[in-house]
Amino acid sequence: MLSKPDLPDQCLKNVLSAAYDIAPTALEFLPIGNDSRAWSFRVEAGTTQYFAKLRRGGLKQAALHVSHTLQRLGIKQVVAPLATLAGDLSAPVNAEFSLILYPFVAGRSAWGMPLEPAQWRAWGEIVRAIHDAPVSSQLGKVVEREVFGVKWLSSIALVERALEAGTFKSEAARRVAKIWREQADEIALCKGRYCALGEHLAQQAPLFVICHADIHAANIIISDEADIHIVDWDEALLAPKERDLMFFLGDGHTPQSEAAFLAGYGDCHIDQAAIAYYRYDWTLQEFADYGERVFCASYLGEPDLALALREFEKLFAPDDVVQRAHAAFARIPG
């Protein structure tokens, strides 16, 4: 998030010392990311750097164990959490927050960064290796499985009840409410197609694989040595491969980039109905997320509320989330 959490730095330093035996010489808040329940820090301990993520509320065990397992299987591009002295993959800070510590990858996000065809091909190879990874019984117990067509409906219902109540505590909330009402028909169309496509896919019973589920360019770090690193496994999921592939197909990349990615990924049948479903799934996730931020998240400051408003407005822009979902729907055969 953009605003620093209401937690003294010394609390984090104490956890780093007690849980990881790390004595921080510097702790820098990083105003990055778009998760309303997570905050990022760069930690220095002598000549070594770490990336620390502070998370509010319950931890998603899949986010910890999927990346840890994939790295143990030899997929070295996966950035996994470091273990505590007790062997855990996170450490409690207090009753409200937990800390997850990672190696620090020096480099740049691939977001808006031109990648060479060889990098797109390598990206495809990495994603295929993730999808081909075996799912152990232990991993299967902690990783959520796709349940088609229902995930975001309760959150959107909560937002719509807040809209009906009409009590808005910020300018961002008032403006989001106005846009939501103006776009009510568009939002209803997205919800209807999401549910219909979800019902169709549930009947097809597609093969489930390990999916990152949020593998857009912002979660790809290109290191100073030009290597690819995949971060932020918070949404890891067992789902059809199209859950990840939708970030590479019809997502604003050039035809040459898509072709290079698919050359690395290898031969496979791509279900266009599944691609469209996940486009609408992503759209409803954005509706629910930004709506909950401005109407329900009392702990967010003005910079984060302003960000939520800007991002919500963009959803309906040309060639953005809503339009790309409709374009994917139009590509379904028959």
C-alpha atoms as a PDB file:
ATOM      1  CA  MET A   1       0.000   0.000   0.000  1.00  0.00           C
ATOM      2  CA  LEU A   2       0.976   3.635  -0.406  1.00  0.00           C
ATOM      3  CA  SER A   3       0.550   4.668   3.241  1.00  0.00           C
ATOM      4  CA  LYS A   4       2.747   3.267   5.986  1.00  0.00           C
ATOM      5  CA  PRO A   5       0.900   1.043   8.495  1.00  0.00           C
ATOM      6  CA  ASP A   6       0.228   2.242  12.014  1.00  0.00           C
ATOM      7  CA  LEU A   7       2.908   0.058  13.559  1.00  0.00           C
ATOM      8  CA  PRO A   8       6.258   1.148  15.033  1.00  0.00           C
ATOM      9  CA  ASP A   9       9.330   0.065  13.084  1.00  0.00           C
ATOM     10  CA  GLN A  10      10.768  -1.344  16.289  1.00  0.00           C
ATOM     11  CA  CYS A  11       8.027  -4.011  16.329  1.00  0.00           C
ATOM     12  CA  LEU A  12       9.251  -5.310  12.972  1.00  0.00           C
ATOM     13  CA  LYS A  13      12.877  -5.137  14.057  1.00  0.00           C
ATOM     14  CA  ASN A  14      12.064  -7.151  17.173  1.00  0.00           C
ATOM     15  CA  VAL A  15      10.394  -9.858  15.089  1.00  0.00           C
ATOM     16  CA  LEU A  16      13.295  -9.998  12.645  1.00  0.00           C
ATOM     17  CA  SER A  17      15.689 -10.448  15.530  1.00  0.00           C
ATOM     18  CA  ALA A  18      13.676 -13.003  17.501  1.00  0.00           C
ATOM     19  CA  ALA A  19      12.254 -15.086  14.645  1.00  0.00           C
ATOM     20  CA  TYR A  20      15.034 -14.875  12.048  1.00  0.00           C
ATOM     21  CA  ASP A  21      18.136 -13.930  14.065  1.00  0.00           C
ATOM     22  CA  ILE A  22      18.558 -10.867  11.847  1.00  0.00           C
ATOM     23  CA  ALA A  23      19.758  -7.580  13.288  1.00  0.00           C
ATOM     24  CA  PRO A  24      18.426  -4.873  10.916  1.00  0.00           C
ATOM     25  CA  THR A  25      20.686  -1.909  10.276  1.00  0.00           C
ATOM     26  CA  ALA A  26      18.016  -0.228   8.113  1.00  0.00           C
ATOM     27  CA  LEU A  27      14.282  -0.640   7.556  1.00  0.00           C
ATOM     28  CA  GLU A  28      12.726   1.214   4.615  1.00  0.00           C
ATOM     29  CA  PHE A  29       8.999   1.343   3.891  1.00  0.00           C
ATOM     30  CA  LEU A  30       8.262   0.773   0.182  1.00  0.00           C
ATOM     31  CA  PRO A  31       5.032   2.424  -1.061  1.00  0.00           C
ATOM     32  CA  ILE A  32       4.329  -0.284  -3.645  1.00  0.00           C
ATOM     33  CA  GLY A  33       1.723  -2.921  -4.354  1.00  0.00           C
ATOM     34  CA  ASN A  34      -2.041  -2.897  -4.665  1.00  0.00           C
ATOM     35  CA  ASP A  35      -3.061  -5.170  -1.802  1.00  0.00           C
ATOM     36  CA  SER A  36      -5.056  -3.265   0.823  1.00  0.00           C
ATOM     37  CA  ARG A  37      -3.919  -5.681   3.560  1.00  0.00           C
ATOM     38  CA  ALA A  38      -0.181  -5.795   2.828  1.00  0.00           C
ATOM     39  CA  TRP A  39       2.773  -3.428   3.268  1.00  0.00           C
ATOM     40  CA  SER A  40       6.318  -3.829   1.938  1.00  0.00           C
ATOM     41  CA  PHE A  41       9.717  -3.051   3.449  1.00  0.00           C
ATOM     42  CA  ARG A  42      13.339  -3.321   2.422  1.00  0.00           C
ATOM     43  CA  VAL A  43      15.505  -4.643   5.230  1.00  0.00           C
ATOM     44  CA  GLU A  44      19.256  -4.182   5.476  1.00  0.00           C
ATOM     45  CA  ALA A  45      21.339  -6.335   7.797  1.00  0.00           C
ATOM     46  CA  GLY A  46      24.971  -5.551   7.210  1.00  0.00           C
ATOM     47  CA  THR A  47      25.681  -6.244   3.546  1.00  0.00           C
ATOM     48  CA  THR A  48      22.571  -8.435   3.087  1.00  0.00           C
ATOM     49  CA  GLN A  49      19.176  -7.150   1.930  1.00  0.00           C
ATOM     50  CA  TYR A  50      15.755  -8.720   2.445  1.00  0.00           C
ATOM     51  CA  PHE A  51      12.213  -7.975   1.317  1.00  0.00           C
ATOM     52  CA  ALA A  52       9.672  -8.055   4.149  1.00  0.00           C
ATOM     53  CA  LYS A  53       5.906  -8.190   3.701  1.00  0.00           C
ATOM     54  CA  LEU A  54       3.677  -7.178   6.581  1.00  0.00           C
ATOM     55  CA  ARG A  55       0.175  -8.635   6.308  1.00  0.00           C
ATOM     56  CA  ARG A  56      -2.950  -7.712   8.243  1.00  0.00           C
ATOM     57  CA  GLY A  57      -5.358 -10.496   9.163  1.00  0.00           C
ATOM     58  CA  GLY A  58      -5.125 -14.212   8.489  1.00  0.00           C
ATOM     59  CA  LEU A  59      -2.356 -15.586   6.312  1.00  0.00           C
ATOM     60  CA  LYS A  60      -3.039 -17.622   3.191  1.00  0.00           C
ATOM     61  CA  GLN A  61      -1.008 -20.765   3.792  1.00  0.00           C
ATOM     62  CA  ALA A  62      -1.060 -21.538   0.065  1.00  0.00           C
ATOM     63  CA  ALA A  63       0.848 -18.307  -0.614  1.00  0.00           C
ATOM     64  CA  LEU A  64       3.666 -19.600   1.568  1.00  0.00           C
ATOM     65  CA  HIS A  65       3.716 -23.289   0.748  1.00  0.00           C
ATOM     66  CA  VAL A  66       3.165 -23.205  -3.025  1.00  0.00           C
ATOM     67  CA  SER A  67       6.171 -20.985  -3.700  1.00  0.00           C
ATOM     68  CA  HIS A  68       8.282 -22.915  -1.174  1.00  0.00           C
ATOM     69  CA  THR A  69       7.357 -26.246  -2.817  1.00  0.00           C
ATOM     70  CA  LEU A  70       7.973 -25.027  -6.371  1.00  0.00           C
ATOM     71  CA  GLN A  71      11.392 -23.736  -5.427  1.00  0.00           C
ATOM     72  CA  ARG A  72      12.257 -27.075  -3.810  1.00  0.00           C
ATOM     73  CA  LEU A  73      11.198 -28.760  -7.059  1.00  0.00           C
ATOM     74  CA  GLY A  74      13.902 -26.786  -8.846  1.00  0.00           C
ATOM     75  CA  ILE A  75      11.932 -23.868 -10.314  1.00  0.00           C
ATOM     76  CA  LYS A  76      14.530 -21.369  -9.184  1.00  0.00           C
ATOM     77  CA  GLN A  77      12.721 -18.352 -10.651  1.00  0.00           C
ATOM     78  CA  VAL A  78      10.067 -18.641  -7.934  1.00  0.00           C
ATOM     79  CA  VAL A  79      10.750 -16.277  -5.021  1.00  0.00           C
ATOM     80  CA  ALA A  80       9.789 -18.141  -1.842  1.00  0.00           C
ATOM     81  CA  PRO A  81       9.666 -17.054   1.815  1.00  0.00           C
ATOM     82  CA  LEU A  82      12.635 -17.673   4.081  1.00  0.00           C
ATOM     83  CA  ALA A  83      12.120 -19.968   7.054  1.00  0.00           C
ATOM     84  CA  THR A  84      12.245 -18.715  10.633  1.00  0.00           C
ATOM     85  CA  LEU A  85      14.553 -20.261  13.208  1.00  0.00           C
ATOM     86  CA  ALA A  86      11.650 -22.559  14.107  1.00  0.00           C
ATOM     87  CA  GLY A  87      11.196 -23.619  10.481  1.00  0.00           C
ATOM     88  CA  ASP A  88       8.004 -21.630   9.887  1.00  0.00           C
ATOM     89  CA  LEU A  89       7.405 -19.580   6.741  1.00  0.00           C
ATOM     90  CA  SER A  90       6.043 -16.534   8.573  1.00  0.00           C
ATOM     91  CA  ALA A  91       6.257 -14.921  11.993  1.00  0.00           C
ATOM     92  CA  PRO A  92       3.520 -13.261  14.067  1.00  0.00           C
ATOM     93  CA  VAL A  93       4.038  -9.593  14.904  1.00  0.00           C
ATOM     94  CA  ASN A  94       0.993  -9.213  17.143  1.00  0.00           C
ATOM     95  CA  ALA A  95      -2.642 -10.305  17.124  1.00  0.00           C
ATOM     96  CA  GLU A  96      -3.275  -8.235  13.988  1.00  0.00           C
ATOM     97  CA  PHE A  97      -0.171  -8.557  11.800  1.00  0.00           C
ATOM     98  CA  SER A  98       2.211 -11.229  10.496  1.00  0.00           C
ATOM     99  CA  LEU A  99       5.605 -10.855   8.812  1.00  0.00           C
ATOM    100  CA  ILE A 100       6.910 -12.808   5.814  1.00  0.00           C
ATOM    101  CA  LEU A 101      10.554 -12.467   4.827  1.00  0.00           C
ATOM    102  CA  TYR A 102      11.993 -13.012   1.337  1.00  0.00           C
ATOM    103  CA  PRO A 103      15.350 -12.645  -0.371  1.00  0.00           C
ATOM    104  CA  PHE A 104      15.650  -9.197  -1.928  1.00  0.00           C
ATOM    105  CA  VAL A 105      15.770  -9.292  -5.739  1.00  0.00           C
ATOM    106  CA  ALA A 106      17.597  -6.282  -7.121  1.00  0.00           C
ATOM    107  CA  GLY A 107      15.921  -5.343 -10.380  1.00  0.00           C
ATOM    108  CA  ARG A 108      12.805  -3.851 -11.959  1.00  0.00           C
ATOM    109  CA  SER A 109       9.213  -4.879 -12.362  1.00  0.00           C
ATOM    110  CA  ALA A 110       8.375  -6.080 -15.877  1.00  0.00           C
ATOM    111  CA  TRP A 111       5.331  -3.755 -15.832  1.00  0.00           C
ATOM    112  CA  GLY A 112       5.747  -1.382 -18.775  1.00  0.00           C
ATOM    113  CA  MET A 113       9.219  -2.725 -19.450  1.00  0.00           C
ATOM    114  CA  PRO A 114       9.979  -3.986 -22.967  1.00  0.00           C
ATOM    115  CA  LEU A 115      11.026  -7.641 -22.858  1.00  0.00           C
ATOM    116  CA  GLU A 116      13.037  -9.436 -25.488  1.00  0.00           C
ATOM    117  CA  PRO A 117      11.430 -12.409 -27.323  1.00  0.00           C
ATOM    118  CA  ALA A 118      13.862 -14.705 -25.506  1.00  0.00           C
ATOM    119  CA  GLN A 119      12.522 -13.418 -22.165  1.00  0.00           C
ATOM    120  CA  TRP A 120       8.917 -14.000 -23.260  1.00  0.00           C
ATOM    121  CA  ARG A 121       9.848 -17.534 -24.301  1.00  0.00           C
ATOM    122  CA  ALA A 122      11.607 -18.122 -20.968  1.00  0.00           C
ATOM    123  CA  TRP A 123       8.516 -16.802 -19.179  1.00  0.00           C
ATOM    124  CA  GLY A 124       6.407 -19.354 -21.055  1.00  0.00           C
ATOM    125  CA  GLU A 125       8.777 -22.163 -20.080  1.00  0.00           C
ATOM    126  CA  ILE A 126       8.602 -21.157 -16.419  1.00  0.00           C
ATOM    127  CA  VAL A 127       4.795 -21.025 -16.396  1.00  0.00           C
ATOM    128  CA  ARG A 128       4.649 -24.463 -18.050  1.00  0.00           C
ATOM    129  CA  ALA A 129       6.990 -25.866 -15.393  1.00  0.00           C
ATOM    130  CA  ILE A 130       4.702 -24.487 -12.685  1.00  0.00           C
ATOM    131  CA  HIS A 131       1.632 -26.001 -14.330  1.00  0.00           C
ATOM    132  CA  ASP A 132       3.366 -29.369 -14.742  1.00  0.00           C
ATOM    133  CA  ALA A 133       4.479 -29.499 -11.097  1.00  0.00           C
ATOM    134  CA  PRO A 134       2.964 -32.361  -9.078  1.00  0.00           C
ATOM    135  CA  VAL A 135       0.473 -31.522  -6.330  1.00  0.00           C
ATOM    136  CA  SER A 136       1.368 -33.428  -3.189  1.00  0.00           C
ATOM    137  CA  SER A 137      -1.341 -34.471  -0.754  1.00  0.00           C
ATOM    138  CA  GLN A 138       0.072 -31.988   1.764  1.00  0.00           C
ATOM    139  CA  LEU A 139      -0.079 -29.134  -0.742  1.00  0.00           C
ATOM    140  CA  GLY A 140      -3.566 -30.152  -1.783  1.00  0.00           C
ATOM    141  CA  LYS A 141      -4.735 -29.608   1.802  1.00  0.00           C
ATOM    142  CA  VAL A 142      -3.698 -25.938   1.957  1.00  0.00           C
ATOM    143  CA  VAL A 143      -4.309 -24.704  -1.610  1.00  0.00           C
ATOM    144  CA  GLU A 144      -7.783 -23.488  -2.460  1.00  0.00           C
ATOM    145  CA  ARG A 145      -9.513 -25.118  -5.434  1.00  0.00           C
ATOM    146  CA  GLU A 146     -11.389 -23.162  -8.069  1.00  0.00           C
ATOM    147  CA  VAL A 147     -15.138 -23.013  -7.419  1.00  0.00           C
ATOM    148  CA  PHE A 148     -16.634 -21.662 -10.598  1.00  0.00           C
ATOM    149  CA  GLY A 149     -18.935 -18.669 -10.701  1.00  0.00           C
ATOM    150  CA  VAL A 150     -19.412 -17.814  -7.026  1.00  0.00           C
ATOM    151  CA  LYS A 151     -16.236 -16.338  -5.512  1.00  0.00           C
ATOM    152  CA  TRP A 152     -16.881 -12.596  -5.773  1.00  0.00           C
ATOM    153  CA  LEU A 153     -20.661 -12.485  -5.567  1.00  0.00           C
ATOM    154  CA  SER A 154     -20.906 -12.094  -1.780  1.00  0.00           C
ATOM    155  CA  SER A 155     -18.327  -9.274  -1.777  1.00  0.00           C
ATOM    156  CA  ILE A 156     -20.157  -7.455  -4.552  1.00  0.00           C
ATOM    157  CA  ALA A 157     -23.435  -7.900  -2.668  1.00  0.00           C
ATOM    158  CA  LEU A 158     -21.775  -6.288   0.375  1.00  0.00           C
ATOM    159  CA  VAL A 159     -20.660  -3.341  -1.754  1.00  0.00           C
ATOM    160  CA  GLU A 160     -24.105  -2.939  -3.282  1.00  0.00           C
ATOM    161  CA  ARG A 161     -25.689  -2.901   0.189  1.00  0.00           C
ATOM    162  CA  ALA A 162     -23.286  -0.103   1.132  1.00  0.00           C
ATOM    163  CA  LEU A 163     -24.367   1.731  -2.022  1.00  0.00           C
ATOM    164  CA  GLU A 164     -28.021   1.372  -1.080  1.00  0.00           C
ATOM    165  CA  ALA A 165     -27.346   2.667   2.424  1.00  0.00           C
ATOM    166  CA  GLY A 166     -25.891   5.817   0.838  1.00  0.00           C
ATOM    167  CA  THR A 167     -23.690   6.833   3.779  1.00  0.00           C
ATOM    168  CA  PHE A 168     -20.263   7.684   2.350  1.00  0.00           C
ATOM    169  CA  LYS A 169     -17.377   8.823   4.546  1.00  0.00           C
ATOM    170  CA  SER A 170     -15.003  10.021   1.831  1.00  0.00           C
ATOM    171  CA  GLU A 171     -15.013  11.815  -1.497  1.00  0.00           C
ATOM    172  CA  ALA A 172     -13.569   8.658  -3.074  1.00  0.00           C
ATOM    173  CA  ALA A 173     -16.565   6.663  -1.845  1.00  0.00           C
ATOM    174  CA  ARG A 174     -19.021   9.215  -3.223  1.00  0.00           C
ATOM    175  CA  ARG A 175     -17.353   9.205  -6.625  1.00  0.00           C
ATOM    176  CA  VAL A 176     -17.119   5.410  -6.808  1.00  0.00           C
ATOM    177  CA  ALA A 177     -20.818   5.220  -5.913  1.00  0.00           C
ATOM    178  CA  LYS A 178     -21.660   7.584  -8.767  1.00  0.00           C
ATOM    179  CA  ILE A 179     -19.650   5.558 -11.291  1.00  0.00           C
ATOM    180  CA  TRP A 180     -21.095   2.262 -10.012  1.00  0.00           C
ATOM    181  CA  ARG A 181     -24.646   3.541 -10.531  1.00  0.00           C
ATOM    182  CA  GLU A 182     -23.823   4.884 -13.989  1.00  0.00           C
ATOM    183  CA  GLN A 183     -22.251   1.548 -14.963  1.00  0.00           C
ATOM    184  CA  ALA A 184     -24.930  -0.625 -13.312  1.00  0.00           C
ATOM    185  CA  ASP A 185     -25.957  -2.307 -16.594  1.00  0.00           C
ATOM    186  CA  GLU A 186     -22.330  -3.061 -17.489  1.00  0.00           C
ATOM    187  CA  ILE A 187     -21.646  -4.506 -14.048  1.00  0.00           C
ATOM    188  CA  ALA A 188     -24.777  -6.654 -14.261  1.00  0.00           C
ATOM    189  CA  LEU A 189     -23.701  -7.964 -17.685  1.00  0.00           C
ATOM    190  CA  CYS A 190     -20.282  -8.935 -16.296  1.00  0.00           C
ATOM    191  CA  LYS A 191     -21.911 -10.716 -13.346  1.00  0.00           C
ATOM    192  CA  GLY A 192     -24.310 -12.600 -15.602  1.00  0.00           C
ATOM    193  CA  ARG A 193     -21.595 -13.822 -17.969  1.00  0.00           C
ATOM    194  CA  TYR A 194     -19.334 -14.752 -15.046  1.00  0.00           C
ATOM    195  CA  CYS A 195     -22.042 -16.969 -13.562  1.00  0.00           C
ATOM    196  CA  ALA A 196     -23.033 -18.527 -16.913  1.00  0.00           C
ATOM    197  CA  LEU A 197     -19.456 -19.310 -17.938  1.00  0.00           C
ATOM    198  CA  GLY A 198     -18.723 -20.637 -14.464  1.00  0.00           C
ATOM    199  CA  GLU A 199     -21.651 -23.035 -14.690  1.00  0.00           C
ATOM    200  CA  HIS A 200     -20.447 -24.187 -18.123  1.00  0.00           C
ATOM    201  CA  LEU A 201     -16.892 -24.852 -16.903  1.00  0.00           C
ATOM    202  CA  ALA A 202     -18.062 -26.664 -13.784  1.00  0.00           C
ATOM    203  CA  GLN A 203     -19.926 -29.094 -16.036  1.00  0.00           C
ATOM    204  CA  GLN A 204     -16.796 -29.599 -18.180  1.00  0.00           C
ATOM    205  CA  ALA A 205     -14.646 -30.500 -15.127  1.00  0.00           C
ATOM    206  CA  PRO A 206     -11.308 -29.297 -16.601  1.00  0.00           C
ATOM    207  CA  LEU A 207      -7.907 -30.445 -15.322  1.00  0.00           C
ATOM    208  CA  PHE A 208      -6.637 -28.404 -12.364  1.00  0.00           C
ATOM    209  CA  VAL A 209      -2.973 -27.364 -12.053  1.00  0.00           C
ATOM    210  CA  ILE A 210      -1.014 -25.108  -9.711  1.00  0.00           C
ATOM    211  CA  CYS A 211      -1.667 -21.511 -10.780  1.00  0.00           C
ATOM    212  CA  HIS A 212      -0.030 -18.337  -9.558  1.00  0.00           C
ATOM    213  CA  ALA A 213      -3.379 -16.674 -10.398  1.00  0.00           C
ATOM    214  CA  ASP A 214      -1.941 -13.131 -10.391  1.00  0.00           C
ATOM    215  CA  ILE A 215       0.985 -13.536 -12.757  1.00  0.00           C
ATOM    216  CA  HIS A 216       0.796 -10.194 -14.544  1.00  0.00           C
ATOM    217  CA  ALA A 217       3.905  -8.182 -15.354  1.00  0.00           C
ATOM    218  CA  ALA A 218       3.913  -6.315 -12.011  1.00  0.00           C
ATOM    219  CA  ASN A 219       4.635  -9.612 -10.261  1.00  0.00           C
ATOM    220  CA  ILE A 220       7.587 -10.396 -12.505  1.00  0.00           C
ATOM    221  CA  ILE A 221      10.928  -8.949 -11.450  1.00  0.00           C
ATOM    222  CA  ILE A 222      13.698  -8.721 -14.030  1.00  0.00           C
ATOM    223  CA  SER A 223      16.922  -8.808 -12.042  1.00  0.00           C
ATOM    224  CA  ASP A 224      19.968  -6.687 -12.756  1.00  0.00           C
ATOM    225  CA  GLU A 225      21.357  -9.809 -14.446  1.00  0.00           C
ATOM    226  CA  ALA A 226      18.220  -9.956 -16.713  1.00  0.00           C
ATOM    227  CA  ASP A 227      16.878 -13.086 -14.987  1.00  0.00           C
ATOM    228  CA  ILE A 228      13.134 -13.582 -14.421  1.00  0.00           C
ATOM    229  CA  HIS A 229      11.787 -13.879 -10.868  1.00  0.00           C
ATOM    230  CA  ILE A 230       8.129 -14.493  -9.964  1.00  0.00           C
ATOM    231  CA  VAL A 231       6.883 -12.865  -6.752  1.00  0.00           C
ATOM    232  CA  ASP A 232       3.629 -12.424  -4.804  1.00  0.00           C
ATOM    233  CA  TRP A 233       1.999 -15.859  -4.566  1.00  0.00           C
ATOM    234  CA  ASP A 234      -0.887 -14.632  -2.409  1.00  0.00           C
ATOM    235  CA  GLU A 235      -3.563 -15.815  -4.863  1.00  0.00           C
ATOM    236  CA  ALA A 236      -2.096 -19.283  -5.578  1.00  0.00           C
ATOM    237  CA  LEU A 237      -4.852 -21.646  -6.627  1.00  0.00           C
ATOM    238  CA  LEU A 238      -5.584 -25.064  -8.083  1.00  0.00           C
ATOM    239  CA  ALA A 239      -7.428 -24.224 -11.285  1.00  0.00           C
ATOM    240  CA  PRO A 240      -7.414 -24.738 -15.066  1.00  0.00           C
ATOM    241  CA  LYS A 241      -4.246 -23.483 -16.767  1.00  0.00           C
ATOM    242  CA  GLU A 242      -6.239 -20.669 -18.388  1.00  0.00           C
ATOM    243  CA  ARG A 243      -6.304 -18.941 -14.972  1.00  0.00           C
ATOM    244  CA  ASP A 244      -2.683 -17.972 -15.634  1.00  0.00           C
ATOM    245  CA  LEU A 245      -2.721 -17.929 -19.427  1.00  0.00           C
ATOM    246  CA  MET A 246      -5.274 -15.130 -19.514  1.00  0.00           C
ATOM    247  CA  PHE A 247      -2.497 -12.758 -18.414  1.00  0.00           C
ATOM    248  CA  PHE A 248      -0.623 -13.481 -21.644  1.00  0.00           C
ATOM    249  CA  LEU A 249      -3.402 -13.866 -24.224  1.00  0.00           C
ATOM    250  CA  GLY A 250      -5.452 -10.825 -25.201  1.00  0.00           C
ATOM    251  CA  ASP A 251      -3.974  -8.786 -22.361  1.00  0.00           C
ATOM    252  CA  GLY A 252      -2.498  -5.954 -24.397  1.00  0.00           C
ATOM    253  CA  HIS A 253       0.750  -7.675 -25.391  1.00  0.00           C
ATOM    254  CA  THR A 254       2.008  -7.650 -28.971  1.00  0.00           C
ATOM    255  CA  PRO A 255       1.317 -10.687 -31.203  1.00  0.00           C
ATOM    256  CA  GLN A 256       5.078 -11.306 -31.282  1.00  0.00           C
ATOM    257  CA  SER A 257       5.251 -11.402 -27.475  1.00  0.00           C
ATOM    258  CA  GLU A 258       2.273 -13.777 -27.251  1.00  0.00           C
ATOM    259  CA  ALA A 259       3.821 -16.046 -29.890  1.00  0.00           C
ATOM    260  CA  ALA A 260       7.154 -16.135 -28.047  1.00  0.00           C
ATOM    261  CA  PHE A 261       5.411 -16.929 -24.748  1.00  0.00           C
ATOM    262  CA  LEU A 262       3.398 -19.769 -26.311  1.00  0.00           C
ATOM    263  CA  ALA A 263       6.524 -21.143 -28.006  1.00  0.00           C
ATOM    264  CA  GLY A 264       8.056 -21.455 -24.556  1.00  0.00           C
ATOM    265  CA  TYR A 265       4.886 -22.812 -22.955  1.00  0.00           C
ATOM    266  CA  GLY A 266       4.565 -25.565 -25.563  1.00  0.00           C
ATOM    267  CA  ASP A 267       1.692 -27.319 -27.283  1.00  0.00           C
ATOM    268  CA  CYS A 268      -1.666 -27.291 -25.519  1.00  0.00           C
ATOM    269  CA  HIS A 269      -5.350 -26.752 -26.180  1.00  0.00           C
ATOM    270  CA  ILE A 270      -6.531 -23.360 -24.927  1.00  0.00           C
ATOM    271  CA  ASP A 271     -10.188 -23.185 -23.924  1.00  0.00           C
ATOM    272  CA  GLN A 272     -11.452 -19.753 -24.982  1.00  0.00           C
ATOM    273  CA  ALA A 273     -14.486 -20.098 -22.707  1.00  0.00           C
ATOM    274  CA  ALA A 274     -12.125 -20.545 -19.758  1.00  0.00           C
ATOM    275  CA  ILE A 275     -10.095 -17.506 -20.839  1.00  0.00           C
ATOM    276  CA  ALA A 276     -13.305 -15.437 -20.998  1.00  0.00           C
ATOM    277  CA  TYR A 277     -14.463 -16.785 -17.629  1.00  0.00           C
ATOM    278  CA  TYR A 278     -11.239 -15.702 -15.973  1.00  0.00           C
ATOM    279  CA  ARG A 279     -11.427 -12.298 -17.633  1.00  0.00           C
ATOM    280  CA  TYR A 280     -14.824 -11.804 -15.976  1.00  0.00           C
ATOM    281  CA  ASP A 281     -13.527 -13.329 -12.742  1.00  0.00           C
ATOM    282  CA  TRP A 282     -10.771 -10.703 -12.732  1.00  0.00           C
ATOM    283  CA  THR A 283     -13.298  -7.965 -13.532  1.00  0.00           C
ATOM    284  CA  LEU A 284     -15.577  -8.928 -10.644  1.00  0.00           C
ATOM    285  CA  GLN A 285     -12.577  -9.186  -8.336  1.00  0.00           C
ATOM    286  CA  GLU A 286     -11.685  -5.578  -9.195  1.00  0.00           C
ATOM    287  CA  PHE A 287     -15.270  -4.402  -8.662  1.00  0.00           C
ATOM    288  CA  ALA A 288     -15.369  -6.114  -5.264  1.00  0.00           C
ATOM    289  CA  ASP A 289     -11.867  -5.086  -4.165  1.00  0.00           C
ATOM    290  CA  TYR A 290     -12.107  -1.368  -4.930  1.00  0.00           C
ATOM    291  CA  GLY A 291     -15.693  -1.200  -3.721  1.00  0.00           C
ATOM    292  CA  GLU A 292     -14.779  -2.755  -0.377  1.00  0.00           C
ATOM    293  CA  ARG A 293     -11.808  -0.418  -0.012  1.00  0.00           C
ATOM    294  CA  VAL A 294     -13.772   2.800  -0.372  1.00  0.00           C
ATOM    295  CA  PHE A 295     -16.950   1.683   1.443  1.00  0.00           C
ATOM    296  CA  CYS A 296     -15.763  -0.766   4.097  1.00  0.00           C
ATOM    297  CA  ALA A 297     -12.018  -0.467   4.883  1.00  0.00           C
ATOM    298  CA  SER A 298     -11.891   2.134   7.653  1.00  0.00           C
ATOM    299  CA  TYR A 299      -8.117   1.755   8.148  1.00  0.00           C
ATOM    300  CA  LEU A 300      -7.131   3.127   4.706  1.00  0.00           C
ATOM    301  CA  GLY A 301      -5.745   6.651   4.376  1.00  0.00           C
ATOM    302  CA  GLU A 302      -6.511   9.265   1.728  1.00  0.00           C
ATOM    303  CA  PRO A 303      -3.664   8.247  -0.655  1.00  0.00           C
ATOM    304  CA  ASP A 304      -4.927   4.662  -0.771  1.00  0.00           C
ATOM    305  CA  LEU A 305      -8.560   5.733  -1.181  1.00  0.00           C
ATOM    306  CA  ALA A 306      -7.526   8.033  -4.030  1.00  0.00           C
ATOM    307  CA  LEU A 307      -5.666   5.126  -5.639  1.00  0.00           C
ATOM    308  CA  ALA A 308      -8.752   2.910  -5.332  1.00  0.00           C
ATOM    309  CA  LEU A 309     -10.861   5.584  -7.042  1.00  0.00           C
ATOM    310  CA  ARG A 310      -8.369   6.002  -9.910  1.00  0.00           C
ATOM    311  CA  GLU A 311      -8.111   2.270 -10.460  1.00  0.00           C
ATOM    312  CA  PHE A 312     -11.890   1.787 -10.336  1.00  0.00           C
ATOM    313  CA  GLU A 313     -12.418   4.532 -12.916  1.00  0.00           C
ATOM    314  CA  LYS A 314      -9.911   2.875 -15.248  1.00  0.00           C
ATOM    315  CA  LEU A 315     -11.777  -0.455 -15.278  1.00  0.00           C
ATOM    316  CA  PHE A 316     -14.291   0.925 -17.790  1.00  0.00           C
ATOM    317  CA  ALA A 317     -11.743   2.660 -20.022  1.00  0.00           C
ATOM    318  CA  PRO A 318     -11.098   1.474 -23.605  1.00  0.00           C
ATOM    319  CA  ASP A 319      -8.941  -1.675 -23.729  1.00  0.00           C
ATOM    320  CA  ASP A 320      -9.024  -2.079 -19.973  1.00  0.00           C
ATOM    321  CA  VAL A 321     -10.461  -4.815 -17.770  1.00  0.00           C
ATOM    322  CA  VAL A 322     -14.152  -4.698 -18.745  1.00  0.00           C
ATOM    323  CA  GLN A 323     -13.552  -4.291 -22.480  1.00  0.00           C
ATOM    324  CA  ARG A 324     -10.972  -7.098 -22.520  1.00  0.00           C
ATOM    325  CA  ALA A 325     -13.441  -9.417 -20.809  1.00  0.00           C
ATOM    326  CA  HIS A 326     -16.071  -8.680 -23.469  1.00  0.00           C
ATOM    327  CA  ALA A 327     -13.468  -9.190 -26.228  1.00  0.00           C
ATOM    328  CA  ALA A 328     -12.547 -12.590 -24.782  1.00  0.00           C
ATOM    329  CA  PHE A 329     -16.235 -13.525 -24.641  1.00  0.00           C
ATOM    330  CA  ALA A 330     -16.565 -12.646 -28.334  1.00  0.00           C
ATOM    331  CA  ARG A 331     -13.728 -15.093 -29.161  1.00  0.00           C
ATOM    332  CA  ILE A 332     -15.570 -18.128 -27.790  1.00  0.00           C
ATOM    333  CA  PRO A 333     -16.277 -20.444 -30.767  1.00  0.00           C
ATOM    334  CA  GLY A 334     -19.904 -20.887 -31.790  1.00  0.00           C
END
